[in-house]
Amino acid sequence: MKITNALLATLLLMAFMFLNGGCVVTSSRETPIVRVVREYAPTVVNIRTERVVDLKEHPEWGQYGEALDMFFKRYFGESYSEGVLKYRSIGSGVILDNNGLIVTNLHVIQKATSIYVVLNDGTILEAGVLIRSQADDLAVIKADLPYRVKKVKFANMRNVMIGETVIAIGNPLGLENSVTVGVVSGKDRAFSNTQCEYVCSGLLQTDASINPGNSGGALLNLDGELVGVNLAVVQDAQNIGFAIPVDRIVRLFEDFE
């Protein structure tokens, strides 16, 4: 068959359209984990809280104020000034929708005087508390988002499989949007923790690495669905972490309504 210039041009055009239609084979480095992180990492935020304690309000200040002032200046440094002590802490949160609703752990924001949300691009927003659940260690805070984000999909907890891959995204030790990968190690787990004033129960267990600052961050499956909210890790253990199942969030909103 003789290939004319017109036929050759047509074949080249078809090849170009084929390759640009998403049918080209991608690099093996582009795994499902990479795609989920690229798509949903912007929904995970850094939460910074500040709690202000005015020590001058305590009766003992009048008698020991001068000595305490010197001690606190030396011990707390920049966090202390003229009888006022500022506690700062960090955690994570997950943006649920474009109304600016963000779910996190209650212990992350419980005693905060001010709450700040740091978005993926570094934008800092002030937030207020909308819902608290002591029983579930969950809270929903709200901030005015400057732009739209991808809405998070909730996983069906009945379909969560032991051994399936999960991705934890959060801000361990302030390292924003850090990613760790593991599997669902167990369901309906319970454990005691100093951050909980109760026995945390009905939890997902995962071996995805969770560290201080991860609390409130996202635990996602390979379909990009939110499986749970990262809670805590067992100290002095090898990758035994826990997350609050996403159906608790659904129930939280149902109770709120």
C-alpha atoms as a PDB file:
ATOM      1  CA  MET A   1       0.000   0.000   0.000  1.00  0.00           C
ATOM      2  CA  LYS A   2       1.421   3.327  -1.032  1.00  0.00           C
ATOM      3  CA  ILE A   3       1.371   5.936   1.710  1.00  0.00           C
ATOM      4  CA  THR A   4       0.600   9.363   0.351  1.00  0.00           C
ATOM      5  CA  ASN A   5       1.521  12.589   2.075  1.00  0.00           C
ATOM      6  CA  ALA A   6      -2.143  13.144   2.948  1.00  0.00           C
ATOM      7  CA  LEU A   7      -2.467   9.677   4.496  1.00  0.00           C
ATOM      8  CA  LEU A   8       0.775  10.133   6.442  1.00  0.00           C
ATOM      9  CA  ALA A   9      -0.442  13.469   7.805  1.00  0.00           C
ATOM     10  CA  THR A  10      -3.719  11.845   8.852  1.00  0.00           C
ATOM     11  CA  LEU A  11      -1.919   9.004  10.643  1.00  0.00           C
ATOM     12  CA  LEU A  12       0.352  11.453  12.457  1.00  0.00           C
ATOM     13  CA  LEU A  13      -2.684  13.502  13.543  1.00  0.00           C
ATOM     14  CA  MET A  14      -4.454  10.376  14.815  1.00  0.00           C
ATOM     15  CA  ALA A  15      -1.339   9.345  16.725  1.00  0.00           C
ATOM     16  CA  PHE A  16      -1.085  12.798  18.307  1.00  0.00           C
ATOM     17  CA  MET A  17      -4.742  12.715  19.338  1.00  0.00           C
ATOM     18  CA  PHE A  18      -4.330   9.206  20.753  1.00  0.00           C
ATOM     19  CA  LEU A  19      -1.319  10.127  22.848  1.00  0.00           C
ATOM     20  CA  ASN A  20      -2.931  13.279  24.178  1.00  0.00           C
ATOM     21  CA  GLY A  21      -6.171  11.529  25.008  1.00  0.00           C
ATOM     22  CA  GLY A  22      -4.700  10.023  28.173  1.00  0.00           C
ATOM     23  CA  CYS A  23      -3.994   6.634  26.591  1.00  0.00           C
ATOM     24  CA  VAL A  24      -0.227   6.940  26.713  1.00  0.00           C
ATOM     25  CA  VAL A  25       1.463   4.646  29.221  1.00  0.00           C
ATOM     26  CA  THR A  26       2.632   6.694  32.221  1.00  0.00           C
ATOM     27  CA  SER A  27       5.753   6.216  34.281  1.00  0.00           C
ATOM     28  CA  SER A  28       5.670   3.374  36.782  1.00  0.00           C
ATOM     29  CA  ARG A  29       6.597   5.985  39.400  1.00  0.00           C
ATOM     30  CA  GLU A  30       3.094   7.445  39.085  1.00  0.00           C
ATOM     31  CA  THR A  31       1.505   5.051  41.557  1.00  0.00           C
ATOM     32  CA  PRO A  32      -2.039   5.262  42.994  1.00  0.00           C
ATOM     33  CA  ILE A  33      -0.460   6.685  46.158  1.00  0.00           C
ATOM     34  CA  VAL A  34       1.149   9.525  44.210  1.00  0.00           C
ATOM     35  CA  ARG A  35      -2.157  10.327  42.487  1.00  0.00           C
ATOM     36  CA  VAL A  36      -4.132  10.371  45.759  1.00  0.00           C
ATOM     37  CA  VAL A  37      -1.564  12.624  47.448  1.00  0.00           C
ATOM     38  CA  ARG A  38      -1.491  15.021  44.493  1.00  0.00           C
ATOM     39  CA  GLU A  39      -5.275  15.269  44.478  1.00  0.00           C
ATOM     40  CA  TYR A  40      -6.100  15.373  48.176  1.00  0.00           C
ATOM     41  CA  ALA A  41      -3.059  16.775  50.018  1.00  0.00           C
ATOM     42  CA  PRO A  42      -4.455  20.332  49.609  1.00  0.00           C
ATOM     43  CA  THR A  43      -7.459  19.350  51.749  1.00  0.00           C
ATOM     44  CA  VAL A  44      -5.190  18.647  54.751  1.00  0.00           C
ATOM     45  CA  VAL A  45      -4.320  21.731  56.798  1.00  0.00           C
ATOM     46  CA  ASN A  46      -1.954  22.630  59.590  1.00  0.00           C
ATOM     47  CA  ILE A  47      -3.750  23.785  62.747  1.00  0.00           C
ATOM     48  CA  ARG A  48      -1.884  26.089  65.101  1.00  0.00           C
ATOM     49  CA  THR A  49      -3.427  26.991  68.418  1.00  0.00           C
ATOM     50  CA  GLU A  50      -2.587  29.499  71.086  1.00  0.00           C
ATOM     51  CA  ARG A  51      -3.748  29.523  74.682  1.00  0.00           C
ATOM     52  CA  VAL A  52      -3.188  32.647  76.736  1.00  0.00           C
ATOM     53  CA  VAL A  53      -2.939  32.344  80.529  1.00  0.00           C
ATOM     54  CA  ASP A  54      -2.806  35.528  82.605  1.00  0.00           C
ATOM     55  CA  LEU A  55      -0.840  34.517  85.696  1.00  0.00           C
ATOM     56  CA  LYS A  56      -1.569  37.860  87.354  1.00  0.00           C
ATOM     57  CA  GLU A  57      -5.123  36.640  87.933  1.00  0.00           C
ATOM     58  CA  HIS A  58      -3.898  34.063  90.460  1.00  0.00           C
ATOM     59  CA  PRO A  59      -3.960  35.151  94.137  1.00  0.00           C
ATOM     60  CA  GLU A  60      -0.351  34.020  94.673  1.00  0.00           C
ATOM     61  CA  TRP A  61       0.915  36.504  92.096  1.00  0.00           C
ATOM     62  CA  GLY A  62       0.694  39.429  94.499  1.00  0.00           C
ATOM     63  CA  GLN A  63       3.026  37.720  96.970  1.00  0.00           C
ATOM     64  CA  TYR A  64       5.408  35.879  94.638  1.00  0.00           C
ATOM     65  CA  GLY A  65       4.953  37.787  91.385  1.00  0.00           C
ATOM     66  CA  GLU A  66       8.446  39.234  91.105  1.00  0.00           C
ATOM     67  CA  ALA A  67      10.183  35.917  91.725  1.00  0.00           C
ATOM     68  CA  LEU A  68       7.784  34.061  89.419  1.00  0.00           C
ATOM     69  CA  ASP A  69       8.307  36.685  86.736  1.00  0.00           C
ATOM     70  CA  MET A  70      12.053  36.039  86.681  1.00  0.00           C
ATOM     71  CA  PHE A  71      11.540  32.265  86.688  1.00  0.00           C
ATOM     72  CA  PHE A  72       9.042  32.226  83.825  1.00  0.00           C
ATOM     73  CA  LYS A  73      11.144  34.558  81.696  1.00  0.00           C
ATOM     74  CA  ARG A  74      14.075  32.183  82.036  1.00  0.00           C
ATOM     75  CA  TYR A  75      12.039  28.985  81.530  1.00  0.00           C
ATOM     76  CA  PHE A  76       9.566  29.956  78.791  1.00  0.00           C
ATOM     77  CA  GLY A  77      11.527  32.612  76.902  1.00  0.00           C
ATOM     78  CA  GLU A  78       9.490  34.304  74.168  1.00  0.00           C
ATOM     79  CA  SER A  79       6.324  32.460  75.205  1.00  0.00           C
ATOM     80  CA  TYR A  80       6.190  34.569  78.371  1.00  0.00           C
ATOM     81  CA  SER A  81       5.824  38.327  78.846  1.00  0.00           C
ATOM     82  CA  GLU A  82       4.868  40.347  81.944  1.00  0.00           C
ATOM     83  CA  GLY A  83       2.751  37.731  83.652  1.00  0.00           C
ATOM     84  CA  VAL A  84       1.140  36.432  80.466  1.00  0.00           C
ATOM     85  CA  LEU A  85       2.025  32.924  79.314  1.00  0.00           C
ATOM     86  CA  LYS A  86       1.232  31.697  75.798  1.00  0.00           C
ATOM     87  CA  TYR A  87       0.957  27.968  75.121  1.00  0.00           C
ATOM     88  CA  ARG A  88       1.315  27.042  71.460  1.00  0.00           C
ATOM     89  CA  SER A  89       0.536  23.669  69.905  1.00  0.00           C
ATOM     90  CA  ILE A  90       0.179  22.150  66.455  1.00  0.00           C
ATOM     91  CA  GLY A  91      -2.062  19.580  64.843  1.00  0.00           C
ATOM     92  CA  SER A  92      -3.773  18.771  61.589  1.00  0.00           C
ATOM     93  CA  GLY A  93      -7.234  18.997  60.082  1.00  0.00           C
ATOM     94  CA  VAL A  94      -9.172  17.958  56.984  1.00  0.00           C
ATOM     95  CA  ILE A  95     -11.239  20.384  54.907  1.00  0.00           C
ATOM     96  CA  LEU A  96     -14.587  18.704  54.298  1.00  0.00           C
ATOM     97  CA  ASP A  97     -16.161  21.134  51.824  1.00  0.00           C
ATOM     98  CA  ASN A  98     -16.014  24.615  50.351  1.00  0.00           C
ATOM     99  CA  ASN A  99     -18.048  26.036  53.226  1.00  0.00           C
ATOM    100  CA  GLY A 100     -14.806  25.936  55.187  1.00  0.00           C
ATOM    101  CA  LEU A 101     -15.796  23.104  57.538  1.00  0.00           C
ATOM    102  CA  ILE A 102     -12.680  21.390  58.894  1.00  0.00           C
ATOM    103  CA  VAL A 103     -12.636  18.261  61.050  1.00  0.00           C
ATOM    104  CA  THR A 104      -9.895  17.665  63.601  1.00  0.00           C
ATOM    105  CA  ASN A 105      -9.374  16.086  67.016  1.00  0.00           C
ATOM    106  CA  LEU A 106     -10.954  17.849  69.953  1.00  0.00           C
ATOM    107  CA  HIS A 107      -7.744  17.615  71.962  1.00  0.00           C
ATOM    108  CA  VAL A 108      -5.987  19.675  69.260  1.00  0.00           C
ATOM    109  CA  ILE A 109      -8.175  22.758  69.840  1.00  0.00           C
ATOM    110  CA  GLN A 110      -9.897  22.111  73.162  1.00  0.00           C
ATOM    111  CA  LYS A 111      -8.098  24.666  75.350  1.00  0.00           C
ATOM    112  CA  ALA A 112      -7.165  27.133  72.617  1.00  0.00           C
ATOM    113  CA  THR A 113      -7.782  30.847  72.933  1.00  0.00           C
ATOM    114  CA  SER A 114      -7.047  31.334  69.208  1.00  0.00           C
ATOM    115  CA  ILE A 115      -7.101  28.816  66.336  1.00  0.00           C
ATOM    116  CA  TYR A 116      -5.248  29.331  63.056  1.00  0.00           C
ATOM    117  CA  VAL A 117      -5.515  27.184  59.938  1.00  0.00           C
ATOM    118  CA  VAL A 118      -2.569  27.052  57.524  1.00  0.00           C
ATOM    119  CA  LEU A 119      -3.565  25.998  54.016  1.00  0.00           C
ATOM    120  CA  ASN A 120      -1.424  23.999  51.605  1.00  0.00           C
ATOM    121  CA  ASP A 121      -0.112  27.186  49.935  1.00  0.00           C
ATOM    122  CA  GLY A 122       0.828  28.819  53.260  1.00  0.00           C
ATOM    123  CA  THR A 123      -2.278  31.002  53.614  1.00  0.00           C
ATOM    124  CA  ILE A 124      -3.142  31.513  57.292  1.00  0.00           C
ATOM    125  CA  LEU A 125      -6.793  31.796  58.352  1.00  0.00           C
ATOM    126  CA  GLU A 126      -8.399  32.290  61.738  1.00  0.00           C
ATOM    127  CA  ALA A 127     -11.015  29.684  62.635  1.00  0.00           C
ATOM    128  CA  GLY A 128     -13.783  29.238  65.173  1.00  0.00           C
ATOM    129  CA  VAL A 129     -15.198  26.101  66.781  1.00  0.00           C
ATOM    130  CA  LEU A 130     -18.535  24.871  65.451  1.00  0.00           C
ATOM    131  CA  ILE A 131     -18.988  21.370  66.925  1.00  0.00           C
ATOM    132  CA  ARG A 132     -17.331  19.530  69.829  1.00  0.00           C
ATOM    133  CA  SER A 133     -17.622  15.859  70.727  1.00  0.00           C
ATOM    134  CA  GLN A 134     -15.769  14.819  73.866  1.00  0.00           C
ATOM    135  CA  ALA A 135     -16.936  11.228  73.460  1.00  0.00           C
ATOM    136  CA  ASP A 136     -15.332  10.883  70.014  1.00  0.00           C
ATOM    137  CA  ASP A 137     -12.429  13.342  70.475  1.00  0.00           C
ATOM    138  CA  LEU A 138     -13.675  15.130  67.361  1.00  0.00           C
ATOM    139  CA  ALA A 139     -14.269  18.785  66.593  1.00  0.00           C
ATOM    140  CA  VAL A 140     -15.432  20.732  63.565  1.00  0.00           C
ATOM    141  CA  ILE A 141     -14.014  24.206  63.096  1.00  0.00           C
ATOM    142  CA  LYS A 142     -14.871  26.737  60.405  1.00  0.00           C
ATOM    143  CA  ALA A 143     -12.762  29.166  58.395  1.00  0.00           C
ATOM    144  CA  ASP A 144     -13.508  31.359  55.372  1.00  0.00           C
ATOM    145  CA  LEU A 145     -11.656  29.721  52.485  1.00  0.00           C
ATOM    146  CA  PRO A 146     -10.139  32.098  49.897  1.00  0.00           C
ATOM    147  CA  TYR A 147     -10.582  29.563  47.085  1.00  0.00           C
ATOM    148  CA  ARG A 148     -12.350  26.301  46.306  1.00  0.00           C
ATOM    149  CA  VAL A 149     -10.898  22.915  47.212  1.00  0.00           C
ATOM    150  CA  LYS A 150     -11.718  19.365  46.210  1.00  0.00           C
ATOM    151  CA  LYS A 151     -14.545  17.947  48.311  1.00  0.00           C
ATOM    152  CA  VAL A 152     -13.535  14.959  50.384  1.00  0.00           C
ATOM    153  CA  LYS A 153     -15.354  11.680  49.770  1.00  0.00           C
ATOM    154  CA  PHE A 154     -16.189   9.470  52.743  1.00  0.00           C
ATOM    155  CA  ALA A 155     -15.342   5.771  52.619  1.00  0.00           C
ATOM    156  CA  ASN A 156     -17.980   3.156  53.407  1.00  0.00           C
ATOM    157  CA  MET A 157     -16.653   1.694  56.626  1.00  0.00           C
ATOM    158  CA  ARG A 158     -18.353  -1.650  55.955  1.00  0.00           C
ATOM    159  CA  ASN A 159     -16.083  -2.049  52.929  1.00  0.00           C
ATOM    160  CA  VAL A 160     -12.801  -1.224  54.670  1.00  0.00           C
ATOM    161  CA  MET A 161     -10.498  -4.237  54.366  1.00  0.00           C
ATOM    162  CA  ILE A 162      -7.826  -5.430  56.772  1.00  0.00           C
ATOM    163  CA  GLY A 163      -4.541  -5.188  54.909  1.00  0.00           C
ATOM    164  CA  GLU A 164      -5.611  -2.558  52.386  1.00  0.00           C
ATOM    165  CA  THR A 165      -3.217   0.318  51.741  1.00  0.00           C
ATOM    166  CA  VAL A 166      -3.916   3.618  53.484  1.00  0.00           C
ATOM    167  CA  ILE A 167      -2.180   6.995  53.304  1.00  0.00           C
ATOM    168  CA  ALA A 168      -1.725   9.288  56.302  1.00  0.00           C
ATOM    169  CA  ILE A 169      -1.290  12.997  55.559  1.00  0.00           C
ATOM    170  CA  GLY A 170      -0.635  15.511  58.314  1.00  0.00           C
ATOM    171  CA  ASN A 171       1.841  17.816  59.993  1.00  0.00           C
ATOM    172  CA  PRO A 172       4.061  15.741  62.295  1.00  0.00           C
ATOM    173  CA  LEU A 173       6.309  18.026  64.341  1.00  0.00           C
ATOM    174  CA  GLY A 174       5.184  20.912  62.135  1.00  0.00           C
ATOM    175  CA  LEU A 175       6.444  19.319  58.900  1.00  0.00           C
ATOM    176  CA  GLU A 176       3.453  20.322  56.795  1.00  0.00           C
ATOM    177  CA  ASN A 177       1.760  17.841  54.455  1.00  0.00           C
ATOM    178  CA  SER A 178       4.012  14.931  55.325  1.00  0.00           C
ATOM    179  CA  VAL A 179       2.931  11.631  53.801  1.00  0.00           C
ATOM    180  CA  THR A 180       3.278   8.148  55.278  1.00  0.00           C
ATOM    181  CA  VAL A 181       1.900   4.881  53.926  1.00  0.00           C
ATOM    182  CA  GLY A 182       0.771   1.686  55.602  1.00  0.00           C
ATOM    183  CA  VAL A 183      -2.143  -0.706  55.833  1.00  0.00           C
ATOM    184  CA  VAL A 184      -5.273  -1.092  57.899  1.00  0.00           C
ATOM    185  CA  SER A 185      -3.974  -3.325  60.690  1.00  0.00           C
ATOM    186  CA  GLY A 186      -7.207  -3.816  62.596  1.00  0.00           C
ATOM    187  CA  LYS A 187     -10.720  -2.575  63.333  1.00  0.00           C
ATOM    188  CA  ASP A 188     -12.668  -1.787  66.483  1.00  0.00           C
ATOM    189  CA  ARG A 189      -9.554  -1.252  68.568  1.00  0.00           C
ATOM    190  CA  ALA A 190      -9.443   0.447  71.973  1.00  0.00           C
ATOM    191  CA  PHE A 191      -6.606   2.010  73.919  1.00  0.00           C
ATOM    192  CA  SER A 192      -5.964   4.469  76.739  1.00  0.00           C
ATOM    193  CA  ASN A 193      -4.074   7.683  76.141  1.00  0.00           C
ATOM    194  CA  THR A 194      -3.213  10.676  78.272  1.00  0.00           C
ATOM    195  CA  GLN A 195      -4.733  12.928  75.589  1.00  0.00           C
ATOM    196  CA  CYS A 196      -8.099  11.225  76.048  1.00  0.00           C
ATOM    197  CA  GLU A 197     -10.046  11.658  79.252  1.00  0.00           C
ATOM    198  CA  TYR A 198     -11.709   8.336  78.479  1.00  0.00           C
ATOM    199  CA  VAL A 199     -10.830   5.037  76.845  1.00  0.00           C
ATOM    200  CA  CYS A 200     -10.726   5.640  73.085  1.00  0.00           C
ATOM    201  CA  SER A 201     -12.589   2.769  71.434  1.00  0.00           C
ATOM    202  CA  GLY A 202     -13.985   1.634  68.089  1.00  0.00           C
ATOM    203  CA  LEU A 203     -10.816   2.794  66.342  1.00  0.00           C
ATOM    204  CA  LEU A 204      -8.969   1.766  63.198  1.00  0.00           C
ATOM    205  CA  GLN A 205      -5.446   0.511  63.736  1.00  0.00           C
ATOM    206  CA  THR A 206      -2.798   1.308  61.122  1.00  0.00           C
ATOM    207  CA  ASP A 207       0.946   0.898  60.740  1.00  0.00           C
ATOM    208  CA  ALA A 208       1.213   4.135  58.736  1.00  0.00           C
ATOM    209  CA  SER A 209       3.604   6.268  60.757  1.00  0.00           C
ATOM    210  CA  ILE A 210       1.767   8.779  63.004  1.00  0.00           C
ATOM    211  CA  ASN A 211       3.636  11.302  65.129  1.00  0.00           C
ATOM    212  CA  PRO A 212       2.816  14.347  67.292  1.00  0.00           C
ATOM    213  CA  GLY A 213       1.214  16.898  64.971  1.00  0.00           C
ATOM    214  CA  ASN A 214      -0.491  14.207  62.858  1.00  0.00           C
ATOM    215  CA  SER A 215      -3.548  14.326  65.122  1.00  0.00           C
ATOM    216  CA  GLY A 216      -6.579  15.405  63.123  1.00  0.00           C
ATOM    217  CA  GLY A 217      -5.005  14.615  59.746  1.00  0.00           C
ATOM    218  CA  ALA A 218      -6.411  12.448  56.976  1.00  0.00           C
ATOM    219  CA  LEU A 219      -6.232   8.682  56.589  1.00  0.00           C
ATOM    220  CA  LEU A 220      -7.140   7.963  52.952  1.00  0.00           C
ATOM    221  CA  ASN A 221      -7.578   4.810  50.898  1.00  0.00           C
ATOM    222  CA  LEU A 222      -6.286   4.354  47.342  1.00  0.00           C
ATOM    223  CA  ASP A 223      -9.587   5.660  45.932  1.00  0.00           C
ATOM    224  CA  GLY A 224      -8.914   8.960  47.686  1.00  0.00           C
ATOM    225  CA  GLU A 225     -11.725   8.374  50.182  1.00  0.00           C
ATOM    226  CA  LEU A 226     -11.400   9.519  53.777  1.00  0.00           C
ATOM    227  CA  VAL A 227     -11.239   6.414  55.949  1.00  0.00           C
ATOM    228  CA  GLY A 228     -10.524   8.110  59.237  1.00  0.00           C
ATOM    229  CA  VAL A 229      -9.012  10.986  61.194  1.00  0.00           C
ATOM    230  CA  ASN A 230      -5.595  10.198  62.643  1.00  0.00           C
ATOM    231  CA  LEU A 231      -5.634  10.195  66.428  1.00  0.00           C
ATOM    232  CA  ALA A 232      -2.536   8.909  68.187  1.00  0.00           C
ATOM    233  CA  VAL A 233       0.291   6.430  68.244  1.00  0.00           C
ATOM    234  CA  VAL A 234       1.268   3.979  70.973  1.00  0.00           C
ATOM    235  CA  GLN A 235       4.495   5.198  72.528  1.00  0.00           C
ATOM    236  CA  ASP A 236       7.433   2.779  72.646  1.00  0.00           C
ATOM    237  CA  ALA A 237       5.802   0.596  69.976  1.00  0.00           C
ATOM    238  CA  GLN A 238       6.657  -0.041  66.345  1.00  0.00           C
ATOM    239  CA  ASN A 239       4.098   1.726  64.119  1.00  0.00           C
ATOM    240  CA  ILE A 240       0.935   1.051  66.072  1.00  0.00           C
ATOM    241  CA  GLY A 241      -1.267   4.028  65.287  1.00  0.00           C
ATOM    242  CA  PHE A 242      -4.969   4.716  65.553  1.00  0.00           C
ATOM    243  CA  ALA A 243      -7.547   6.696  63.618  1.00  0.00           C
ATOM    244  CA  ILE A 244     -11.161   7.631  64.331  1.00  0.00           C
ATOM    245  CA  PRO A 245     -13.398   5.993  61.666  1.00  0.00           C
ATOM    246  CA  VAL A 246     -15.059   8.383  59.268  1.00  0.00           C
ATOM    247  CA  ASP A 247     -18.569   7.203  60.173  1.00  0.00           C
ATOM    248  CA  ARG A 248     -18.087   9.005  63.503  1.00  0.00           C
ATOM    249  CA  ILE A 249     -17.881  12.266  61.532  1.00  0.00           C
ATOM    250  CA  VAL A 250     -21.131  11.462  59.761  1.00  0.00           C
ATOM    251  CA  ARG A 251     -22.791  10.759  63.102  1.00  0.00           C
ATOM    252  CA  LEU A 252     -21.331  13.978  64.520  1.00  0.00           C
ATOM    253  CA  PHE A 253     -23.151  16.052  61.898  1.00  0.00           C
ATOM    254  CA  GLU A 254     -26.353  14.058  62.331  1.00  0.00           C
ATOM    255  CA  ASP A 255     -26.321  14.761  66.070  1.00  0.00           C
ATOM    256  CA  PHE A 256     -25.548  18.428  65.451  1.00  0.00           C
ATOM    257  CA  GLU A 257     -28.546  18.828  63.146  1.00  0.00           C
END
